[in-house]
Amino acid sequence: MGVKPGVGDLCFVLPYGIAGFIELKSGKGKLTDSQKVFKDDVESLGGLYEEARSIEEVKQILKAWEVL
């Protein structure tokens, strides 16, 4: 309730002032239509959006984003 449909599960304000979102999915999970719209919106505004299916993928993303 009160959350915009499609917003990523994990949200970050990165050290260099960009917003980053990670959507957590199960092995074969796919983005919903509202998640696809949100992803497109984020990327069109210069933000970062990734999908992760394991904690290892989350760690790799955060390293690439220079958070870890």
PDB file of N, CA and C in Angstrom:
ATOM      1  N   MET A   1       0.828  -1.179   0.000  1.00  0.00           N
ATOM      2  CA  MET A   1       0.000   0.000   0.000  1.00  0.00           C
ATOM      3  C   MET A   1       0.875   1.247   0.000  1.00  0.00           C
ATOM      4  N   GLY A   2       0.536   2.186  -0.848  1.00  0.00           N
ATOM      5  CA  GLY A   2       1.255   3.442  -0.895  1.00  0.00           C
ATOM      6  C   GLY A   2       2.548   3.413  -1.692  1.00  0.00           C
ATOM      7  N   VAL A   3       2.860   2.280  -2.300  1.00  0.00           N
ATOM      8  CA  VAL A   3       4.085   2.170  -3.082  1.00  0.00           C
ATOM      9  C   VAL A   3       3.717   2.144  -4.561  1.00  0.00           C
ATOM     10  N   LYS A   4       4.502   2.824  -5.350  1.00  0.00           N
ATOM     11  CA  LYS A   4       4.277   2.833  -6.793  1.00  0.00           C
ATOM     12  C   LYS A   4       4.446   1.410  -7.331  1.00  0.00           C
ATOM     13  N   PRO A   5       3.495   0.917  -8.112  1.00  0.00           N
ATOM     14  CA  PRO A   5       3.628  -0.429  -8.681  1.00  0.00           C
ATOM     15  C   PRO A   5       4.903  -0.559  -9.513  1.00  0.00           C
ATOM     16  N   GLY A   6       5.601  -1.679  -9.328  1.00  0.00           N
ATOM     17  CA  GLY A   6       6.776  -1.953 -10.137  1.00  0.00           C
ATOM     18  C   GLY A   6       8.095  -1.526  -9.542  1.00  0.00           C
ATOM     19  N   VAL A   7       8.084  -0.791  -8.418  1.00  0.00           N
ATOM     20  CA  VAL A   7       9.333  -0.323  -7.813  1.00  0.00           C
ATOM     21  C   VAL A   7      10.181  -1.528  -7.408  1.00  0.00           C
ATOM     22  N   GLY A   8      11.492  -1.439  -7.642  1.00  0.00           N
ATOM     23  CA  GLY A   8      12.408  -2.525  -7.309  1.00  0.00           C
ATOM     24  C   GLY A   8      12.375  -2.873  -5.828  1.00  0.00           C
ATOM     25  N   ASP A   9      12.746  -4.109  -5.504  1.00  0.00           N
ATOM     26  CA  ASP A   9      12.736  -4.566  -4.123  1.00  0.00           C
ATOM     27  C   ASP A   9      13.780  -3.864  -3.266  1.00  0.00           C
ATOM     28  N   LEU A  10      14.934  -3.588  -3.831  1.00  0.00           N
ATOM     29  CA  LEU A  10      16.003  -2.901  -3.112  1.00  0.00           C
ATOM     30  C   LEU A  10      16.280  -1.574  -3.806  1.00  0.00           C
ATOM     31  N   CYS A  11      16.316  -0.497  -3.027  1.00  0.00           N
ATOM     32  CA  CYS A  11      16.495   0.841  -3.586  1.00  0.00           C
ATOM     33  C   CYS A  11      17.696   1.510  -2.913  1.00  0.00           C
ATOM     34  N   PHE A  12      18.534   2.147  -3.722  1.00  0.00           N
ATOM     35  CA  PHE A  12      19.760   2.762  -3.220  1.00  0.00           C
ATOM     36  C   PHE A  12      19.929   4.156  -3.813  1.00  0.00           C
ATOM     37  N   VAL A  13      20.488   5.056  -3.010  1.00  0.00           N
ATOM     38  CA  VAL A  13      21.044   6.295  -3.539  1.00  0.00           C
ATOM     39  C   VAL A  13      22.546   6.057  -3.514  1.00  0.00           C
ATOM     40  N   LEU A  14      23.117   5.957  -4.683  1.00  0.00           N
ATOM     41  CA  LEU A  14      24.519   5.565  -4.816  1.00  0.00           C
ATOM     42  C   LEU A  14      25.443   6.724  -4.481  1.00  0.00           C
ATOM     43  N   PRO A  15      26.687   6.431  -4.100  1.00  0.00           N
ATOM     44  CA  PRO A  15      27.626   7.474  -3.651  1.00  0.00           C
ATOM     45  C   PRO A  15      27.806   8.618  -4.638  1.00  0.00           C
ATOM     46  N   TYR A  16      27.584   8.365  -5.908  1.00  0.00           N
ATOM     47  CA  TYR A  16      27.783   9.400  -6.926  1.00  0.00           C
ATOM     48  C   TYR A  16      26.466  10.052  -7.345  1.00  0.00           C
ATOM     49  N   GLY A  17      25.416   9.922  -6.493  1.00  0.00           N
ATOM     50  CA  GLY A  17      24.183  10.672  -6.670  1.00  0.00           C
ATOM     51  C   GLY A  17      23.164  10.095  -7.627  1.00  0.00           C
ATOM     52  N   ILE A  18      23.296   8.833  -7.986  1.00  0.00           N
ATOM     53  CA  ILE A  18      22.352   8.178  -8.892  1.00  0.00           C
ATOM     54  C   ILE A  18      21.526   7.176  -8.087  1.00  0.00           C
ATOM     55  N   ALA A  19      20.259   7.036  -8.441  1.00  0.00           N
ATOM     56  CA  ALA A  19      19.412   6.021  -7.812  1.00  0.00           C
ATOM     57  C   ALA A  19      19.641   4.675  -8.495  1.00  0.00           C
ATOM     58  N   GLY A  20      19.653   3.615  -7.700  1.00  0.00           N
ATOM     59  CA  GLY A  20      19.788   2.263  -8.228  1.00  0.00           C
ATOM     60  C   GLY A  20      18.734   1.360  -7.616  1.00  0.00           C
ATOM     61  N   PHE A  21      18.179   0.489  -8.433  1.00  0.00           N
ATOM     62  CA  PHE A  21      17.126  -0.429  -7.989  1.00  0.00           C
ATOM     63  C   PHE A  21      17.489  -1.848  -8.385  1.00  0.00           C
ATOM     64  N   ILE A  22      17.278  -2.785  -7.462  1.00  0.00           N
ATOM     65  CA  ILE A  22      17.484  -4.194  -7.754  1.00  0.00           C
ATOM     66  C   ILE A  22      16.160  -4.919  -7.520  1.00  0.00           C
ATOM     67  N   GLU A  23      15.719  -5.629  -8.528  1.00  0.00           N
ATOM     68  CA  GLU A  23      14.517  -6.460  -8.428  1.00  0.00           C
ATOM     69  C   GLU A  23      14.956  -7.892  -8.153  1.00  0.00           C
ATOM     70  N   LEU A  24      14.469  -8.463  -7.075  1.00  0.00           N
ATOM     71  CA  LEU A  24      14.804  -9.841  -6.711  1.00  0.00           C
ATOM     72  C   LEU A  24      13.810 -10.796  -7.353  1.00  0.00           C
ATOM     73  N   LYS A  25      14.331 -11.779  -8.053  1.00  0.00           N
ATOM     74  CA  LYS A  25      13.482 -12.742  -8.754  1.00  0.00           C
ATOM     75  C   LYS A  25      13.913 -14.157  -8.422  1.00  0.00           C
ATOM     76  N   SER A  26      12.948 -15.068  -8.502  1.00  0.00           N
ATOM     77  CA  SER A  26      13.267 -16.492  -8.366  1.00  0.00           C
ATOM     78  C   SER A  26      13.939 -16.954  -9.655  1.00  0.00           C
ATOM     79  N   GLY A  27      14.374 -18.186  -9.698  1.00  0.00           N
ATOM     80  CA  GLY A  27      15.125 -18.713 -10.839  1.00  0.00           C
ATOM     81  C   GLY A  27      14.536 -18.396 -12.198  1.00  0.00           C
ATOM     82  N   LYS A  28      13.239 -18.588 -12.369  1.00  0.00           N
ATOM     83  CA  LYS A  28      12.620 -18.350 -13.671  1.00  0.00           C
ATOM     84  C   LYS A  28      11.673 -17.150 -13.664  1.00  0.00           C
ATOM     85  N   GLY A  29      11.685 -16.392 -12.575  1.00  0.00           N
ATOM     86  CA  GLY A  29      10.798 -15.241 -12.464  1.00  0.00           C
ATOM     87  C   GLY A  29      11.064 -14.207 -13.547  1.00  0.00           C
ATOM     88  N   LYS A  30      10.008 -13.562 -13.985  1.00  0.00           N
ATOM     89  CA  LYS A  30      10.113 -12.530 -15.024  1.00  0.00           C
ATOM     90  C   LYS A  30       9.517 -11.236 -14.504  1.00  0.00           C
ATOM     91  N   LEU A  31       9.954 -10.123 -15.084  1.00  0.00           N
ATOM     92  CA  LEU A  31       9.395  -8.831 -14.711  1.00  0.00           C
ATOM     93  C   LEU A  31       7.926  -8.747 -15.111  1.00  0.00           C
ATOM     94  N   THR A  32       7.123  -8.159 -14.226  1.00  0.00           N
ATOM     95  CA  THR A  32       5.729  -7.873 -14.562  1.00  0.00           C
ATOM     96  C   THR A  32       5.696  -6.659 -15.482  1.00  0.00           C
ATOM     97  N   ASP A  33       4.550  -6.396 -16.060  1.00  0.00           N
ATOM     98  CA  ASP A  33       4.423  -5.219 -16.934  1.00  0.00           C
ATOM     99  C   ASP A  33       4.752  -3.933 -16.168  1.00  0.00           C
ATOM    100  N   SER A  34       4.259  -3.816 -14.922  1.00  0.00           N
ATOM    101  CA  SER A  34       4.536  -2.591 -14.159  1.00  0.00           C
ATOM    102  C   SER A  34       6.024  -2.486 -13.810  1.00  0.00           C
ATOM    103  N   GLN A  35       6.695  -3.613 -13.592  1.00  0.00           N
ATOM    104  CA  GLN A  35       8.134  -3.588 -13.335  1.00  0.00           C
ATOM    105  C   GLN A  35       8.904  -3.166 -14.585  1.00  0.00           C
ATOM    106  N   LYS A  36       8.458  -3.611 -15.752  1.00  0.00           N
ATOM    107  CA  LYS A  36       9.103  -3.206 -17.002  1.00  0.00           C
ATOM    108  C   LYS A  36       8.968  -1.702 -17.223  1.00  0.00           C
ATOM    109  N   VAL A  37       7.786  -1.159 -16.935  1.00  0.00           N
ATOM    110  CA  VAL A  37       7.561   0.286 -17.088  1.00  0.00           C
ATOM    111  C   VAL A  37       8.459   1.043 -16.123  1.00  0.00           C
ATOM    112  N   PHE A  38       8.519   0.585 -14.866  1.00  0.00           N
ATOM    113  CA  PHE A  38       9.371   1.253 -13.884  1.00  0.00           C
ATOM    114  C   PHE A  38      10.837   1.201 -14.307  1.00  0.00           C
ATOM    115  N   LYS A  39      11.295   0.050 -14.757  1.00  0.00           N
ATOM    116  CA  LYS A  39      12.682  -0.111 -15.236  1.00  0.00           C
ATOM    117  C   LYS A  39      12.975   0.887 -16.355  1.00  0.00           C
ATOM    118  N   ASP A  40      12.082   0.968 -17.329  1.00  0.00           N
ATOM    119  CA  ASP A  40      12.270   1.906 -18.445  1.00  0.00           C
ATOM    120  C   ASP A  40      12.315   3.350 -17.951  1.00  0.00           C
ATOM    121  N   ASP A  41      11.430   3.688 -17.004  1.00  0.00           N
ATOM    122  CA  ASP A  41      11.407   5.044 -16.449  1.00  0.00           C
ATOM    123  C   ASP A  41      12.731   5.362 -15.757  1.00  0.00           C
ATOM    124  N   VAL A  42      13.196   4.429 -14.913  1.00  0.00           N
ATOM    125  CA  VAL A  42      14.454   4.635 -14.181  1.00  0.00           C
ATOM    126  C   VAL A  42      15.606   4.855 -15.159  1.00  0.00           C
ATOM    127  N   GLU A  43      15.723   3.975 -16.135  1.00  0.00           N
ATOM    128  CA  GLU A  43      16.836   4.063 -17.073  1.00  0.00           C
ATOM    129  C   GLU A  43      16.755   5.307 -17.948  1.00  0.00           C
ATOM    130  N   SER A  44      15.549   5.735 -18.297  1.00  0.00           N
ATOM    131  CA  SER A  44      15.417   6.936 -19.127  1.00  0.00           C
ATOM    132  C   SER A  44      15.832   8.201 -18.372  1.00  0.00           C
ATOM    133  N   LEU A  45      15.793   8.122 -17.030  1.00  0.00           N
ATOM    134  CA  LEU A  45      16.203   9.257 -16.202  1.00  0.00           C
ATOM    135  C   LEU A  45      17.652   9.146 -15.728  1.00  0.00           C
ATOM    136  N   GLY A  46      18.373   8.130 -16.230  1.00  0.00           N
ATOM    137  CA  GLY A  46      19.781   7.976 -15.888  1.00  0.00           C
ATOM    138  C   GLY A  46      20.047   7.126 -14.657  1.00  0.00           C
ATOM    139  N   GLY A  47      19.011   6.488 -14.126  1.00  0.00           N
ATOM    140  CA  GLY A  47      19.190   5.607 -12.974  1.00  0.00           C
ATOM    141  C   GLY A  47      19.609   4.213 -13.409  1.00  0.00           C
ATOM    142  N   LEU A  48      19.908   3.380 -12.413  1.00  0.00           N
ATOM    143  CA  LEU A  48      20.341   2.016 -12.669  1.00  0.00           C
ATOM    144  C   LEU A  48      19.283   1.038 -12.184  1.00  0.00           C
ATOM    145  N   TYR A  49      19.090  -0.047 -12.925  1.00  0.00           N
ATOM    146  CA  TYR A  49      18.094  -1.059 -12.583  1.00  0.00           C
ATOM    147  C   TYR A  49      18.635  -2.411 -13.005  1.00  0.00           C
ATOM    148  N   GLU A  50      18.631  -3.360 -12.083  1.00  0.00           N
ATOM    149  CA  GLU A  50      19.110  -4.705 -12.373  1.00  0.00           C
ATOM    150  C   GLU A  50      18.176  -5.733 -11.740  1.00  0.00           C
ATOM    151  N   GLU A  51      18.188  -6.927 -12.305  1.00  0.00           N
ATOM    152  CA  GLU A  51      17.502  -8.070 -11.714  1.00  0.00           C
ATOM    153  C   GLU A  51      18.547  -8.986 -11.097  1.00  0.00           C
ATOM    154  N   ALA A  52      18.213  -9.583  -9.963  1.00  0.00           N
ATOM    155  CA  ALA A  52      19.121 -10.529  -9.321  1.00  0.00           C
ATOM    156  C   ALA A  52      18.334 -11.757  -8.884  1.00  0.00           C
ATOM    157  N   ARG A  53      18.976 -12.914  -9.030  1.00  0.00           N
ATOM    158  CA  ARG A  53      18.339 -14.174  -8.664  1.00  0.00           C
ATOM    159  C   ARG A  53      19.045 -14.886  -7.512  1.00  0.00           C
ATOM    160  N   SER A  54      20.076 -14.256  -6.959  1.00  0.00           N
ATOM    161  CA  SER A  54      20.794 -14.834  -5.820  1.00  0.00           C
ATOM    162  C   SER A  54      21.513 -13.720  -5.067  1.00  0.00           C
ATOM    163  N   ILE A  55      21.921 -14.025  -3.854  1.00  0.00           N
ATOM    164  CA  ILE A  55      22.680 -13.044  -3.082  1.00  0.00           C
ATOM    165  C   ILE A  55      24.016 -12.754  -3.760  1.00  0.00           C
ATOM    166  N   GLU A  56      24.573 -13.742  -4.432  1.00  0.00           N
ATOM    167  CA  GLU A  56      25.828 -13.519  -5.154  1.00  0.00           C
ATOM    168  C   GLU A  56      25.628 -12.505  -6.281  1.00  0.00           C
ATOM    169  N   GLU A  57      24.518 -12.586  -6.989  1.00  0.00           N
ATOM    170  CA  GLU A  57      24.239 -11.600  -8.045  1.00  0.00           C
ATOM    171  C   GLU A  57      24.058 -10.210  -7.446  1.00  0.00           C
ATOM    172  N   VAL A  58      23.386 -10.123  -6.294  1.00  0.00           N
ATOM    173  CA  VAL A  58      23.226  -8.828  -5.625  1.00  0.00           C
ATOM    174  C   VAL A  58      24.599  -8.255  -5.288  1.00  0.00           C
ATOM    175  N   LYS A  59      25.483  -9.082  -4.738  1.00  0.00           N
ATOM    176  CA  LYS A  59      26.832  -8.628  -4.401  1.00  0.00           C
ATOM    177  C   LYS A  59      27.583  -8.143  -5.636  1.00  0.00           C
ATOM    178  N   GLN A  60      27.472  -8.869  -6.750  1.00  0.00           N
ATOM    179  CA  GLN A  60      28.151  -8.460  -7.987  1.00  0.00           C
ATOM    180  C   GLN A  60      27.635  -7.117  -8.483  1.00  0.00           C
ATOM    181  N   ILE A  61      26.327  -6.928  -8.412  1.00  0.00           N
ATOM    182  CA  ILE A  61      25.724  -5.659  -8.848  1.00  0.00           C
ATOM    183  C   ILE A  61      26.236  -4.522  -7.966  1.00  0.00           C
ATOM    184  N   LEU A  62      26.211  -4.724  -6.639  1.00  0.00           N
ATOM    185  CA  LEU A  62      26.644  -3.673  -5.726  1.00  0.00           C
ATOM    186  C   LEU A  62      28.132  -3.363  -5.895  1.00  0.00           C
ATOM    187  N   LYS A  63      28.936  -4.359  -6.214  1.00  0.00           N
ATOM    188  CA  LYS A  63      30.351  -4.103  -6.503  1.00  0.00           C
ATOM    189  C   LYS A  63      30.485  -3.268  -7.778  1.00  0.00           C
ATOM    190  N   ALA A  64      29.713  -3.627  -8.805  1.00  0.00           N
ATOM    191  CA  ALA A  64      29.760  -2.874 -10.067  1.00  0.00           C
ATOM    192  C   ALA A  64      29.286  -1.426  -9.861  1.00  0.00           C
ATOM    193  N   TRP A  65      28.357  -1.241  -8.952  1.00  0.00           N
ATOM    194  CA  TRP A  65      27.851   0.097  -8.638  1.00  0.00           C
ATOM    195  C   TRP A  65      28.758   0.828  -7.653  1.00  0.00           C
ATOM    196  N   GLU A  66      29.847   0.202  -7.244  1.00  0.00           N
ATOM    197  CA  GLU A  66      30.824   0.773  -6.316  1.00  0.00           C
ATOM    198  C   GLU A  66      30.241   1.039  -4.931  1.00  0.00           C
ATOM    199  N   VAL A  67      29.320   0.161  -4.503  1.00  0.00           N
ATOM    200  CA  VAL A  67      28.743   0.255  -3.170  1.00  0.00           C
ATOM    201  C   VAL A  67      29.526  -0.635  -2.199  1.00  0.00           C
ATOM    202  N   LEU A  68      29.990  -1.779  -2.684  1.00  0.00           N
ATOM    203  CA  LEU A  68      30.797  -2.704  -1.867  1.00  0.00           C
ATOM    204  C   LEU A  68      32.248  -2.616  -2.290  1.00  0.00           C
TER     205      LEU A  68
END
